[in-house]
Amino acid sequence: MSLQTSLESAYADFQKAAPQPVLDTFSAGITELKTTFNPAKAIQPGQAFPAFTLPSATGTPISSADLLSKGPLLISFYRGEWCPFCNLELRALQKLLPELKARNVSLVAISPQLPDASLSTAEKNALDFPVLSDVRNKLARELGIVWTQPKGFGPIFQGFGVDWEKSYGDELLEVPIPATVLVDKDGVVREAFLDVDYTKRLEPATALEWVEKL
């Protein structure tokens, strides 16, 4: 089963389970984002990827310089552990990990969650690659992929049991637009995928094709 098939199935289940006002609120938010977000202003192939040092789920600082010293870097930006579509993508990337390692490509996932929440994500999804915390979306903002979600999303997240301040350290409701970026060993972006529709993610097979072209 492809990742997209799994994502579509998860969304169909969500549509069946969620009250219509919730579906309408999320749909309106995405519609607004589609009209306001300019993908041309986001990180593009050929550009240098910003250097970073971010804490891992256990609080250990991990730098892009150290990662790139081992070879190319595949980065997945995700919204948080509450997002079922993000979790499906992370588990799909986990299955790809042996093939990436065989090609000396490092894999990391990045979200604005605090390290404790990142640790929960890593443990829940049995991830064997670093899950980093980009608190307040500082790196994602440099890439032009930050979305401040409508305030109307806040009560919905609370209803789902998401304690935003505990997980993110603020109540801004800011998340990265889900994106996957391949950076070569020289720190240059070679490929980039992002979609304002949070149910769309890069297929792992496509990521492997990216790597094969390096």
N, C-alpha and C. Protein backbone atom coordinates (compact mmCIF):
# COMPACT_ATOMS: atom_id res chain seq x y z
N MET A 1 0.84 -1.19 0.00
CA MET A 1 0.00 0.00 0.00
C MET A 1 0.88 1.25 0.00
N SER A 2 0.58 2.18 -0.90
CA SER A 2 1.35 3.42 -0.95
C SER A 2 1.03 4.29 0.25
N LEU A 3 1.93 5.24 0.52
CA LEU A 3 1.67 6.16 1.62
C LEU A 3 0.41 6.97 1.34
N GLN A 4 0.23 7.42 0.10
CA GLN A 4 -0.93 8.23 -0.21
C GLN A 4 -2.23 7.47 0.01
N THR A 5 -2.23 6.17 -0.30
CA THR A 5 -3.42 5.35 -0.05
C THR A 5 -3.73 5.30 1.44
N SER A 6 -2.69 5.16 2.25
CA SER A 6 -2.88 5.14 3.71
C SER A 6 -3.39 6.48 4.21
N LEU A 7 -2.87 7.56 3.64
CA LEU A 7 -3.30 8.90 4.03
C LEU A 7 -4.78 9.13 3.67
N GLU A 8 -5.15 8.69 2.49
CA GLU A 8 -6.55 8.86 2.05
C GLU A 8 -7.49 8.05 2.93
N SER A 9 -7.06 6.86 3.33
CA SER A 9 -7.87 6.03 4.22
C SER A 9 -8.03 6.69 5.58
N ALA A 10 -6.93 7.26 6.09
CA ALA A 10 -6.98 7.94 7.39
C ALA A 10 -7.90 9.16 7.33
N TYR A 11 -7.86 9.87 6.21
CA TYR A 11 -8.71 11.05 6.08
C TYR A 11 -10.18 10.66 5.97
N ALA A 12 -10.44 9.55 5.28
CA ALA A 12 -11.82 9.08 5.17
C ALA A 12 -12.36 8.70 6.55
N ASP A 13 -11.52 8.07 7.36
CA ASP A 13 -11.93 7.71 8.72
C ASP A 13 -12.18 8.98 9.55
N PHE A 14 -11.32 9.98 9.38
CA PHE A 14 -11.49 11.24 10.10
C PHE A 14 -12.80 11.92 9.71
N GLN A 15 -13.12 11.91 8.44
CA GLN A 15 -14.35 12.53 7.97
C GLN A 15 -15.59 11.84 8.55
N LYS A 16 -15.49 10.53 8.73
CA LYS A 16 -16.62 9.79 9.30
C LYS A 16 -16.79 10.07 10.79
N ALA A 17 -15.67 10.28 11.48
CA ALA A 17 -15.70 10.39 12.93
C ALA A 17 -15.89 11.83 13.43
N ALA A 18 -15.39 12.80 12.69
CA ALA A 18 -15.40 14.18 13.17
C ALA A 18 -16.75 14.85 12.93
N PRO A 19 -17.19 15.69 13.87
CA PRO A 19 -18.43 16.46 13.67
C PRO A 19 -18.29 17.39 12.47
N GLN A 20 -19.38 17.66 11.80
CA GLN A 20 -19.35 18.50 10.61
C GLN A 20 -18.77 19.89 10.88
N PRO A 21 -19.08 20.55 12.02
CA PRO A 21 -18.46 21.86 12.27
C PRO A 21 -16.94 21.81 12.31
N VAL A 22 -16.39 20.71 12.82
CA VAL A 22 -14.93 20.56 12.85
C VAL A 22 -14.39 20.43 11.43
N LEU A 23 -15.04 19.61 10.62
CA LEU A 23 -14.62 19.45 9.23
C LEU A 23 -14.69 20.77 8.48
N ASP A 24 -15.77 21.52 8.72
CA ASP A 24 -15.94 22.81 8.04
C ASP A 24 -14.86 23.80 8.45
N THR A 25 -14.51 23.82 9.75
CA THR A 25 -13.49 24.75 10.24
C THR A 25 -12.13 24.43 9.64
N PHE A 26 -11.76 23.16 9.64
CA PHE A 26 -10.48 22.77 9.05
C PHE A 26 -10.45 23.06 7.55
N SER A 27 -11.55 22.76 6.88
CA SER A 27 -11.62 22.98 5.43
C SER A 27 -11.48 24.46 5.10
N ALA A 28 -12.13 25.31 5.88
CA ALA A 28 -12.03 26.75 5.65
C ALA A 28 -10.60 27.25 5.87
N GLY A 29 -9.94 26.70 6.88
CA GLY A 29 -8.56 27.09 7.16
C GLY A 29 -7.63 26.74 6.02
N ILE A 30 -7.79 25.53 5.48
CA ILE A 30 -6.94 25.10 4.38
C ILE A 30 -7.23 25.90 3.12
N THR A 31 -8.50 26.19 2.90
CA THR A 31 -8.86 27.00 1.73
C THR A 31 -8.20 28.38 1.80
N GLU A 32 -8.23 28.97 2.99
CA GLU A 32 -7.58 30.27 3.18
C GLU A 32 -6.08 30.18 2.94
N LEU A 33 -5.47 29.11 3.47
CA LEU A 33 -4.03 28.93 3.31
C LEU A 33 -3.66 28.81 1.83
N LYS A 34 -4.47 28.09 1.08
CA LYS A 34 -4.19 27.91 -0.35
C LYS A 34 -4.19 29.24 -1.10
N THR A 35 -4.98 30.19 -0.62
CA THR A 35 -5.07 31.48 -1.31
C THR A 35 -4.00 32.46 -0.85
N THR A 36 -3.40 32.22 0.31
CA THR A 36 -2.44 33.18 0.86
C THR A 36 -0.99 32.70 0.78
N PHE A 37 -0.78 31.40 0.71
CA PHE A 37 0.59 30.87 0.72
C PHE A 37 1.18 30.89 -0.68
N ASN A 38 2.38 31.43 -0.79
CA ASN A 38 3.09 31.48 -2.07
C ASN A 38 4.26 30.51 -2.03
N PRO A 39 4.13 29.34 -2.67
CA PRO A 39 5.21 28.35 -2.62
C PRO A 39 6.52 28.84 -3.22
N ALA A 40 6.45 29.85 -4.08
CA ALA A 40 7.67 30.38 -4.69
C ALA A 40 8.57 31.05 -3.66
N LYS A 41 7.98 31.43 -2.50
CA LYS A 41 8.76 32.09 -1.46
C LYS A 41 9.35 31.08 -0.46
N ALA A 42 9.02 29.81 -0.65
CA ALA A 42 9.56 28.76 0.21
C ALA A 42 10.91 28.30 -0.33
N ILE A 43 11.62 27.51 0.44
CA ILE A 43 12.93 26.98 0.05
C ILE A 43 12.82 26.27 -1.30
N GLN A 44 13.81 26.50 -2.17
CA GLN A 44 13.78 25.96 -3.52
C GLN A 44 15.06 25.16 -3.80
N PRO A 45 14.97 24.16 -4.70
CA PRO A 45 16.19 23.47 -5.14
C PRO A 45 17.20 24.46 -5.69
N GLY A 46 18.46 24.21 -5.36
CA GLY A 46 19.53 25.10 -5.79
C GLY A 46 19.93 26.11 -4.73
N GLN A 47 19.09 26.30 -3.73
CA GLN A 47 19.42 27.23 -2.66
C GLN A 47 20.19 26.52 -1.54
N ALA A 48 20.97 27.28 -0.80
CA ALA A 48 21.68 26.71 0.35
C ALA A 48 20.68 26.49 1.49
N PHE A 49 20.77 25.35 2.12
CA PHE A 49 19.90 25.08 3.26
C PHE A 49 20.49 25.76 4.49
N PRO A 50 19.69 26.48 5.27
CA PRO A 50 20.23 27.19 6.44
C PRO A 50 20.88 26.22 7.43
N ALA A 51 22.03 26.61 7.95
CA ALA A 51 22.68 25.82 8.98
C ALA A 51 21.82 25.83 10.24
N PHE A 52 21.83 24.71 10.97
CA PHE A 52 21.03 24.65 12.19
C PHE A 52 21.70 23.77 13.23
N THR A 53 21.34 24.02 14.46
CA THR A 53 21.64 23.13 15.59
C THR A 53 20.37 23.06 16.41
N LEU A 54 19.80 21.87 16.51
CA LEU A 54 18.51 21.68 17.17
C LEU A 54 18.61 20.53 18.17
N PRO A 55 17.84 20.61 19.25
CA PRO A 55 17.88 19.51 20.23
C PRO A 55 17.12 18.28 19.73
N SER A 56 17.68 17.13 20.03
CA SER A 56 17.00 15.88 19.72
C SER A 56 15.91 15.63 20.76
N ALA A 57 15.21 14.51 20.63
CA ALA A 57 14.15 14.16 21.57
C ALA A 57 14.68 13.96 22.98
N THR A 58 15.98 13.66 23.10
CA THR A 58 16.59 13.49 24.43
C THR A 58 17.35 14.74 24.86
N GLY A 59 17.25 15.81 24.07
CA GLY A 59 17.89 17.07 24.43
C GLY A 59 19.30 17.24 23.92
N THR A 60 19.82 16.27 23.16
CA THR A 60 21.17 16.36 22.62
C THR A 60 21.20 17.29 21.41
N PRO A 61 22.06 18.31 21.39
CA PRO A 61 22.14 19.19 20.23
C PRO A 61 22.66 18.42 19.01
N ILE A 62 21.98 18.58 17.90
CA ILE A 62 22.39 17.96 16.64
C ILE A 62 22.48 19.05 15.59
N SER A 63 23.64 19.13 14.92
CA SER A 63 23.85 20.20 13.95
C SER A 63 23.80 19.67 12.52
N SER A 64 23.42 20.56 11.63
CA SER A 64 23.42 20.19 10.22
C SER A 64 24.84 19.92 9.73
N ALA A 65 25.81 20.63 10.30
CA ALA A 65 27.21 20.42 9.90
C ALA A 65 27.65 18.99 10.19
N ASP A 66 27.32 18.50 11.39
CA ASP A 66 27.69 17.12 11.75
C ASP A 66 26.97 16.12 10.85
N LEU A 67 25.69 16.35 10.59
CA LEU A 67 24.93 15.43 9.75
C LEU A 67 25.48 15.41 8.32
N LEU A 68 25.76 16.59 7.77
CA LEU A 68 26.23 16.66 6.39
C LEU A 68 27.66 16.17 6.24
N SER A 69 28.40 16.11 7.34
CA SER A 69 29.77 15.56 7.26
C SER A 69 29.75 14.07 6.94
N LYS A 70 28.57 13.44 7.13
CA LYS A 70 28.43 12.01 6.85
C LYS A 70 27.86 11.75 5.46
N GLY A 71 27.33 12.82 4.83
CA GLY A 71 26.73 12.64 3.51
C GLY A 71 25.46 13.47 3.39
N PRO A 72 24.65 13.21 2.35
CA PRO A 72 23.41 13.96 2.13
C PRO A 72 22.43 13.78 3.29
N LEU A 73 21.42 14.67 3.29
CA LEU A 73 20.47 14.72 4.40
C LEU A 73 19.05 14.82 3.87
N LEU A 74 18.18 13.93 4.30
CA LEU A 74 16.76 13.98 3.96
C LEU A 74 16.01 14.45 5.20
N ILE A 75 15.26 15.55 5.06
CA ILE A 75 14.60 16.18 6.20
C ILE A 75 13.10 16.19 5.98
N SER A 76 12.36 15.75 6.99
CA SER A 76 10.90 15.80 6.95
C SER A 76 10.42 16.77 8.02
N PHE A 77 9.68 17.79 7.61
CA PHE A 77 9.06 18.71 8.56
C PHE A 77 7.62 18.27 8.79
N TYR A 78 7.29 18.03 10.06
CA TYR A 78 5.94 17.56 10.38
C TYR A 78 5.33 18.45 11.46
N ARG A 79 4.01 18.32 11.64
CA ARG A 79 3.28 19.26 12.50
C ARG A 79 3.32 18.87 13.97
N GLY A 80 3.17 17.60 14.29
CA GLY A 80 3.18 17.18 15.69
C GLY A 80 2.65 15.78 15.86
N GLU A 81 2.80 15.25 17.07
CA GLU A 81 2.41 13.87 17.32
C GLU A 81 0.91 13.67 17.24
N TRP A 82 0.12 14.73 17.35
CA TRP A 82 -1.34 14.66 17.29
C TRP A 82 -1.83 14.45 15.86
N CYS A 83 -0.96 14.65 14.89
CA CYS A 83 -1.34 14.61 13.47
C CYS A 83 -1.21 13.19 12.93
N PRO A 84 -2.31 12.48 12.64
CA PRO A 84 -2.21 11.11 12.16
C PRO A 84 -1.52 11.00 10.81
N PHE A 85 -1.64 12.02 10.00
CA PHE A 85 -1.01 12.00 8.68
C PHE A 85 0.51 12.11 8.81
N CYS A 86 0.96 12.91 9.77
CA CYS A 86 2.39 13.01 10.05
C CYS A 86 2.94 11.68 10.54
N ASN A 87 2.20 11.03 11.42
CA ASN A 87 2.66 9.76 11.97
C ASN A 87 2.75 8.69 10.89
N LEU A 88 1.80 8.68 9.97
CA LEU A 88 1.86 7.74 8.85
C LEU A 88 3.10 8.00 8.00
N GLU A 89 3.39 9.27 7.76
CA GLU A 89 4.57 9.60 6.96
C GLU A 89 5.86 9.19 7.68
N LEU A 90 5.94 9.47 8.98
CA LEU A 90 7.15 9.13 9.73
C LEU A 90 7.38 7.63 9.75
N ARG A 91 6.31 6.85 9.91
CA ARG A 91 6.47 5.39 9.90
C ARG A 91 6.89 4.90 8.52
N ALA A 92 6.39 5.54 7.48
CA ALA A 92 6.79 5.16 6.12
C ALA A 92 8.28 5.47 5.89
N LEU A 93 8.74 6.60 6.42
CA LEU A 93 10.15 6.94 6.29
C LEU A 93 11.02 5.98 7.10
N GLN A 94 10.52 5.53 8.24
CA GLN A 94 11.26 4.56 9.03
C GLN A 94 11.55 3.29 8.22
N LYS A 95 10.58 2.86 7.43
CA LYS A 95 10.77 1.67 6.59
C LYS A 95 11.82 1.91 5.52
N LEU A 96 12.00 3.16 5.15
CA LEU A 96 12.98 3.51 4.12
C LEU A 96 14.39 3.64 4.67
N LEU A 97 14.50 3.70 5.99
CA LEU A 97 15.78 4.00 6.64
C LEU A 97 16.93 3.09 6.21
N PRO A 98 16.75 1.76 6.14
CA PRO A 98 17.88 0.90 5.74
C PRO A 98 18.44 1.26 4.36
N GLU A 99 17.55 1.60 3.43
CA GLU A 99 18.01 1.94 2.09
C GLU A 99 18.72 3.28 2.08
N LEU A 100 18.28 4.20 2.91
CA LEU A 100 18.96 5.48 3.01
C LEU A 100 20.34 5.31 3.62
N LYS A 101 20.42 4.52 4.68
CA LYS A 101 21.71 4.30 5.33
C LYS A 101 22.69 3.65 4.38
N ALA A 102 22.20 2.73 3.54
CA ALA A 102 23.06 2.04 2.59
C ALA A 102 23.66 3.02 1.58
N ARG A 103 23.02 4.17 1.42
CA ARG A 103 23.49 5.19 0.48
C ARG A 103 24.11 6.38 1.22
N ASN A 104 24.40 6.19 2.50
CA ASN A 104 25.02 7.22 3.34
C ASN A 104 24.20 8.50 3.43
N VAL A 105 22.88 8.35 3.39
CA VAL A 105 21.98 9.49 3.54
C VAL A 105 21.40 9.47 4.95
N SER A 106 21.54 10.58 5.67
CA SER A 106 20.96 10.70 7.01
C SER A 106 19.51 11.17 6.89
N LEU A 107 18.69 10.71 7.80
CA LEU A 107 17.27 11.09 7.84
C LEU A 107 16.97 11.73 9.18
N VAL A 108 16.29 12.87 9.14
CA VAL A 108 15.82 13.50 10.37
C VAL A 108 14.41 14.02 10.15
N ALA A 109 13.66 14.10 11.25
CA ALA A 109 12.34 14.71 11.23
C ALA A 109 12.38 15.91 12.16
N ILE A 110 11.69 16.98 11.79
CA ILE A 110 11.73 18.21 12.55
C ILE A 110 10.31 18.75 12.75
N SER A 111 10.01 19.14 13.98
CA SER A 111 8.73 19.80 14.26
C SER A 111 8.97 20.87 15.32
N PRO A 112 8.00 21.77 15.55
CA PRO A 112 8.16 22.79 16.58
C PRO A 112 7.85 22.28 17.99
N GLN A 113 7.57 21.00 18.13
CA GLN A 113 7.29 20.45 19.45
C GLN A 113 8.51 20.56 20.36
N LEU A 114 8.28 20.67 21.65
CA LEU A 114 9.36 20.60 22.63
C LEU A 114 9.93 19.19 22.67
N PRO A 115 11.17 19.02 23.14
CA PRO A 115 11.79 17.69 23.12
C PRO A 115 10.97 16.58 23.76
N ASP A 116 10.27 16.86 24.86
CA ASP A 116 9.46 15.80 25.50
C ASP A 116 8.40 15.28 24.55
N ALA A 117 7.76 16.17 23.80
CA ALA A 117 6.75 15.75 22.84
C ALA A 117 7.39 15.03 21.66
N SER A 118 8.58 15.48 21.27
CA SER A 118 9.30 14.79 20.20
C SER A 118 9.66 13.37 20.62
N LEU A 119 10.03 13.21 21.89
CA LEU A 119 10.35 11.89 22.40
C LEU A 119 9.13 10.99 22.33
N SER A 120 7.97 11.53 22.65
CA SER A 120 6.74 10.76 22.56
C SER A 120 6.48 10.33 21.12
N THR A 121 6.73 11.23 20.18
CA THR A 121 6.56 10.92 18.76
C THR A 121 7.49 9.78 18.35
N ALA A 122 8.76 9.89 18.74
CA ALA A 122 9.75 8.88 18.37
C ALA A 122 9.40 7.52 18.95
N GLU A 123 8.97 7.51 20.21
CA GLU A 123 8.64 6.24 20.86
C GLU A 123 7.36 5.64 20.29
N LYS A 124 6.35 6.47 20.09
CA LYS A 124 5.07 5.97 19.59
C LYS A 124 5.20 5.36 18.21
N ASN A 125 6.08 5.93 17.38
CA ASN A 125 6.23 5.46 16.01
C ASN A 125 7.45 4.56 15.81
N ALA A 126 8.14 4.24 16.91
CA ALA A 126 9.31 3.36 16.86
C ALA A 126 10.34 3.85 15.83
N LEU A 127 10.70 5.11 15.94
CA LEU A 127 11.61 5.72 14.98
C LEU A 127 13.06 5.55 15.41
N ASP A 128 13.90 5.18 14.45
CA ASP A 128 15.32 4.99 14.72
C ASP A 128 16.16 6.09 14.10
N PHE A 129 15.56 7.21 13.80
CA PHE A 129 16.29 8.36 13.28
C PHE A 129 15.98 9.58 14.16
N PRO A 130 16.82 10.59 14.14
CA PRO A 130 16.62 11.74 15.03
C PRO A 130 15.32 12.49 14.76
N VAL A 131 14.65 12.85 15.86
CA VAL A 131 13.47 13.70 15.80
C VAL A 131 13.84 14.99 16.55
N LEU A 132 13.92 16.08 15.81
CA LEU A 132 14.46 17.32 16.35
C LEU A 132 13.37 18.34 16.64
N SER A 133 13.68 19.25 17.56
CA SER A 133 12.72 20.29 17.98
C SER A 133 13.15 21.65 17.45
N ASP A 134 12.35 22.18 16.55
CA ASP A 134 12.54 23.52 16.01
C ASP A 134 11.57 24.45 16.73
N VAL A 135 11.87 24.72 18.01
CA VAL A 135 10.96 25.47 18.86
C VAL A 135 10.71 26.86 18.29
N ARG A 136 9.42 27.24 18.26
CA ARG A 136 8.96 28.51 17.68
C ARG A 136 9.20 28.58 16.16
N ASN A 137 9.50 27.43 15.55
CA ASN A 137 9.60 27.35 14.09
C ASN A 137 10.68 28.27 13.51
N LYS A 138 11.78 28.43 14.23
CA LYS A 138 12.81 29.35 13.76
C LYS A 138 13.41 28.90 12.44
N LEU A 139 13.71 27.61 12.32
CA LEU A 139 14.27 27.10 11.07
C LEU A 139 13.20 27.09 9.98
N ALA A 140 12.01 26.61 10.32
CA ALA A 140 10.93 26.55 9.34
C ALA A 140 10.61 27.94 8.80
N ARG A 141 10.75 28.95 9.65
CA ARG A 141 10.48 30.33 9.21
C ARG A 141 11.52 30.78 8.18
N GLU A 142 12.77 30.37 8.38
CA GLU A 142 13.80 30.69 7.40
C GLU A 142 13.50 30.05 6.05
N LEU A 143 12.81 28.91 6.09
CA LEU A 143 12.47 28.19 4.86
C LEU A 143 11.19 28.69 4.22
N GLY A 144 10.46 29.55 4.93
CA GLY A 144 9.22 30.09 4.38
C GLY A 144 8.07 29.11 4.39
N ILE A 145 8.02 28.24 5.40
CA ILE A 145 6.98 27.20 5.41
C ILE A 145 6.14 27.21 6.69
N VAL A 146 6.10 28.34 7.40
CA VAL A 146 5.34 28.40 8.65
C VAL A 146 3.90 28.84 8.38
N TRP A 147 2.97 28.15 9.03
CA TRP A 147 1.56 28.52 8.94
C TRP A 147 1.02 28.79 10.33
N THR A 148 0.50 30.01 10.53
CA THR A 148 -0.20 30.32 11.77
C THR A 148 -1.65 29.91 11.58
N GLN A 149 -2.04 28.84 12.23
CA GLN A 149 -3.38 28.30 12.04
C GLN A 149 -4.43 29.25 12.63
N PRO A 150 -5.64 29.25 12.07
CA PRO A 150 -6.69 30.12 12.60
C PRO A 150 -6.98 29.84 14.07
N LYS A 151 -7.34 30.88 14.82
CA LYS A 151 -7.62 30.72 16.24
C LYS A 151 -8.75 29.73 16.48
N GLY A 152 -9.64 29.60 15.51
CA GLY A 152 -10.74 28.66 15.65
C GLY A 152 -10.30 27.22 15.75
N PHE A 153 -9.05 26.94 15.37
CA PHE A 153 -8.52 25.58 15.49
C PHE A 153 -8.24 25.23 16.95
N GLY A 154 -7.97 26.27 17.78
CA GLY A 154 -7.56 26.04 19.17
C GLY A 154 -8.55 25.20 19.96
N PRO A 155 -9.84 25.57 20.01
CA PRO A 155 -10.81 24.76 20.75
C PRO A 155 -10.95 23.34 20.21
N ILE A 156 -10.74 23.18 18.91
CA ILE A 156 -10.82 21.84 18.33
C ILE A 156 -9.67 20.97 18.83
N PHE A 157 -8.46 21.54 18.84
CA PHE A 157 -7.32 20.79 19.37
C PHE A 157 -7.54 20.43 20.84
N GLN A 158 -8.08 21.37 21.61
CA GLN A 158 -8.38 21.08 23.01
C GLN A 158 -9.36 19.93 23.13
N GLY A 159 -10.36 19.93 22.25
CA GLY A 159 -11.34 18.85 22.25
C GLY A 159 -10.73 17.51 21.91
N PHE A 160 -9.65 17.54 21.11
CA PHE A 160 -8.95 16.31 20.75
C PHE A 160 -7.94 15.90 21.83
N GLY A 161 -7.84 16.70 22.89
CA GLY A 161 -6.91 16.38 23.97
C GLY A 161 -5.49 16.87 23.75
N VAL A 162 -5.32 17.80 22.81
CA VAL A 162 -3.99 18.35 22.54
C VAL A 162 -3.76 19.57 23.43
N ASP A 163 -2.77 19.46 24.32
CA ASP A 163 -2.38 20.59 25.16
C ASP A 163 -1.28 21.34 24.43
N TRP A 164 -1.67 22.36 23.68
CA TRP A 164 -0.73 23.02 22.78
C TRP A 164 0.45 23.64 23.53
N GLU A 165 0.16 24.33 24.63
CA GLU A 165 1.24 24.98 25.37
C GLU A 165 2.22 23.96 25.94
N LYS A 166 1.72 22.83 26.40
CA LYS A 166 2.60 21.79 26.94
C LYS A 166 3.48 21.20 25.85
N SER A 167 2.91 21.00 24.67
CA SER A 167 3.66 20.37 23.59
C SER A 167 4.59 21.33 22.86
N TYR A 168 4.18 22.61 22.77
CA TYR A 168 4.92 23.56 21.95
C TYR A 168 5.53 24.72 22.73
N GLY A 169 5.11 24.91 23.98
CA GLY A 169 5.66 26.00 24.78
C GLY A 169 5.03 27.34 24.51
N ASP A 170 3.96 27.36 23.72
CA ASP A 170 3.25 28.61 23.45
C ASP A 170 1.82 28.25 23.01
N GLU A 171 1.05 29.25 22.69
CA GLU A 171 -0.31 29.02 22.21
C GLU A 171 -0.53 29.69 20.86
N LEU A 172 0.54 29.77 20.07
CA LEU A 172 0.48 30.48 18.79
C LEU A 172 -0.18 29.66 17.68
N LEU A 173 -0.26 28.36 17.86
CA LEU A 173 -0.84 27.45 16.86
C LEU A 173 -0.06 27.47 15.54
N GLU A 174 1.23 27.76 15.63
CA GLU A 174 2.07 27.78 14.43
C GLU A 174 2.65 26.39 14.15
N VAL A 175 2.55 25.98 12.91
CA VAL A 175 3.11 24.70 12.49
C VAL A 175 3.79 24.88 11.13
N PRO A 176 4.73 23.98 10.81
CA PRO A 176 5.28 24.03 9.45
C PRO A 176 4.30 23.39 8.47
N ILE A 177 4.25 23.93 7.28
CA ILE A 177 3.55 23.20 6.23
C ILE A 177 4.36 21.94 5.97
N PRO A 178 3.75 20.76 6.03
CA PRO A 178 4.52 19.53 5.86
C PRO A 178 5.39 19.58 4.61
N ALA A 179 6.66 19.30 4.79
CA ALA A 179 7.61 19.41 3.68
C ALA A 179 8.70 18.37 3.83
N THR A 180 9.25 17.94 2.70
CA THR A 180 10.39 17.03 2.69
C THR A 180 11.45 17.64 1.78
N VAL A 181 12.69 17.69 2.27
CA VAL A 181 13.77 18.35 1.55
C VAL A 181 14.99 17.43 1.51
N LEU A 182 15.60 17.31 0.35
CA LEU A 182 16.85 16.57 0.21
C LEU A 182 17.98 17.57 0.04
N VAL A 183 18.96 17.49 0.93
CA VAL A 183 20.11 18.40 0.92
C VAL A 183 21.36 17.59 0.61
N ASP A 184 22.14 18.04 -0.36
CA ASP A 184 23.35 17.28 -0.68
C ASP A 184 24.44 17.56 0.35
N LYS A 185 25.55 16.85 0.23
CA LYS A 185 26.60 16.93 1.25
C LYS A 185 27.24 18.31 1.35
N ASP A 186 27.03 19.13 0.32
CA ASP A 186 27.56 20.49 0.33
C ASP A 186 26.56 21.49 0.91
N GLY A 187 25.41 20.99 1.39
CA GLY A 187 24.43 21.86 2.01
C GLY A 187 23.49 22.55 1.04
N VAL A 188 23.43 22.07 -0.19
CA VAL A 188 22.56 22.66 -1.20
C VAL A 188 21.30 21.82 -1.36
N VAL A 189 20.16 22.47 -1.40
CA VAL A 189 18.89 21.77 -1.59
C VAL A 189 18.84 21.21 -3.01
N ARG A 190 18.65 19.92 -3.11
CA ARG A 190 18.56 19.29 -4.43
C ARG A 190 17.11 19.02 -4.84
N GLU A 191 16.28 18.69 -3.87
CA GLU A 191 14.86 18.42 -4.13
C GLU A 191 14.04 18.94 -2.96
N ALA A 192 12.80 19.34 -3.25
CA ALA A 192 11.92 19.82 -2.19
C ALA A 192 10.47 19.51 -2.54
N PHE A 193 9.72 19.05 -1.56
CA PHE A 193 8.29 18.77 -1.73
C PHE A 193 7.54 19.43 -0.58
N LEU A 194 6.48 20.17 -0.92
CA LEU A 194 5.57 20.64 0.12
C LEU A 194 4.21 20.82 -0.51
N ASP A 195 3.17 20.67 0.34
CA ASP A 195 1.80 20.81 -0.13
C ASP A 195 0.98 21.36 1.03
N VAL A 196 0.22 22.42 0.76
CA VAL A 196 -0.59 23.01 1.83
C VAL A 196 -1.70 22.06 2.28
N ASP A 197 -2.03 21.08 1.48
CA ASP A 197 -2.99 20.06 1.87
C ASP A 197 -2.27 19.04 2.76
N TYR A 198 -2.60 19.06 4.05
CA TYR A 198 -1.85 18.22 5.00
C TYR A 198 -2.05 16.73 4.80
N THR A 199 -2.97 16.33 3.92
CA THR A 199 -3.16 14.91 3.63
C THR A 199 -2.28 14.44 2.47
N LYS A 200 -1.46 15.34 1.93
CA LYS A 200 -0.56 14.99 0.82
C LYS A 200 0.88 15.00 1.34
N ARG A 201 1.59 13.92 1.11
CA ARG A 201 2.98 13.81 1.54
C ARG A 201 3.82 13.15 0.44
N LEU A 202 5.11 13.32 0.52
CA LEU A 202 6.01 12.71 -0.45
C LEU A 202 6.02 11.19 -0.28
N GLU A 203 5.89 10.48 -1.38
CA GLU A 203 5.99 9.03 -1.34
C GLU A 203 7.44 8.63 -1.04
N PRO A 204 7.66 7.67 -0.14
CA PRO A 204 9.02 7.20 0.13
C PRO A 204 9.74 6.73 -1.14
N ALA A 205 9.00 6.13 -2.06
CA ALA A 205 9.63 5.68 -3.31
C ALA A 205 10.19 6.86 -4.09
N THR A 206 9.49 7.99 -4.03
CA THR A 206 9.98 9.19 -4.71
C THR A 206 11.22 9.73 -4.01
N ALA A 207 11.22 9.68 -2.69
CA ALA A 207 12.40 10.12 -1.94
C ALA A 207 13.61 9.27 -2.33
N LEU A 208 13.40 7.99 -2.52
CA LEU A 208 14.50 7.11 -2.91
C LEU A 208 14.98 7.44 -4.32
N GLU A 209 14.05 7.80 -5.19
CA GLU A 209 14.43 8.23 -6.54
C GLU A 209 15.29 9.50 -6.47
N TRP A 210 14.92 10.41 -5.57
CA TRP A 210 15.73 11.62 -5.38
C TRP A 210 17.16 11.24 -5.04
N VAL A 211 17.27 10.34 -4.06
CA VAL A 211 18.60 9.94 -3.57
C VAL A 211 19.41 9.28 -4.68
N GLU A 212 18.76 8.48 -5.50
CA GLU A 212 19.45 7.76 -6.57
C GLU A 212 20.05 8.73 -7.58
N LYS A 213 19.45 9.93 -7.69
CA LYS A 213 19.93 10.91 -8.67
C LYS A 213 21.13 11.73 -8.16
N LEU A 214 21.44 11.61 -6.87
CA LEU A 214 22.55 12.39 -6.33
C LEU A 214 23.90 11.96 -6.93
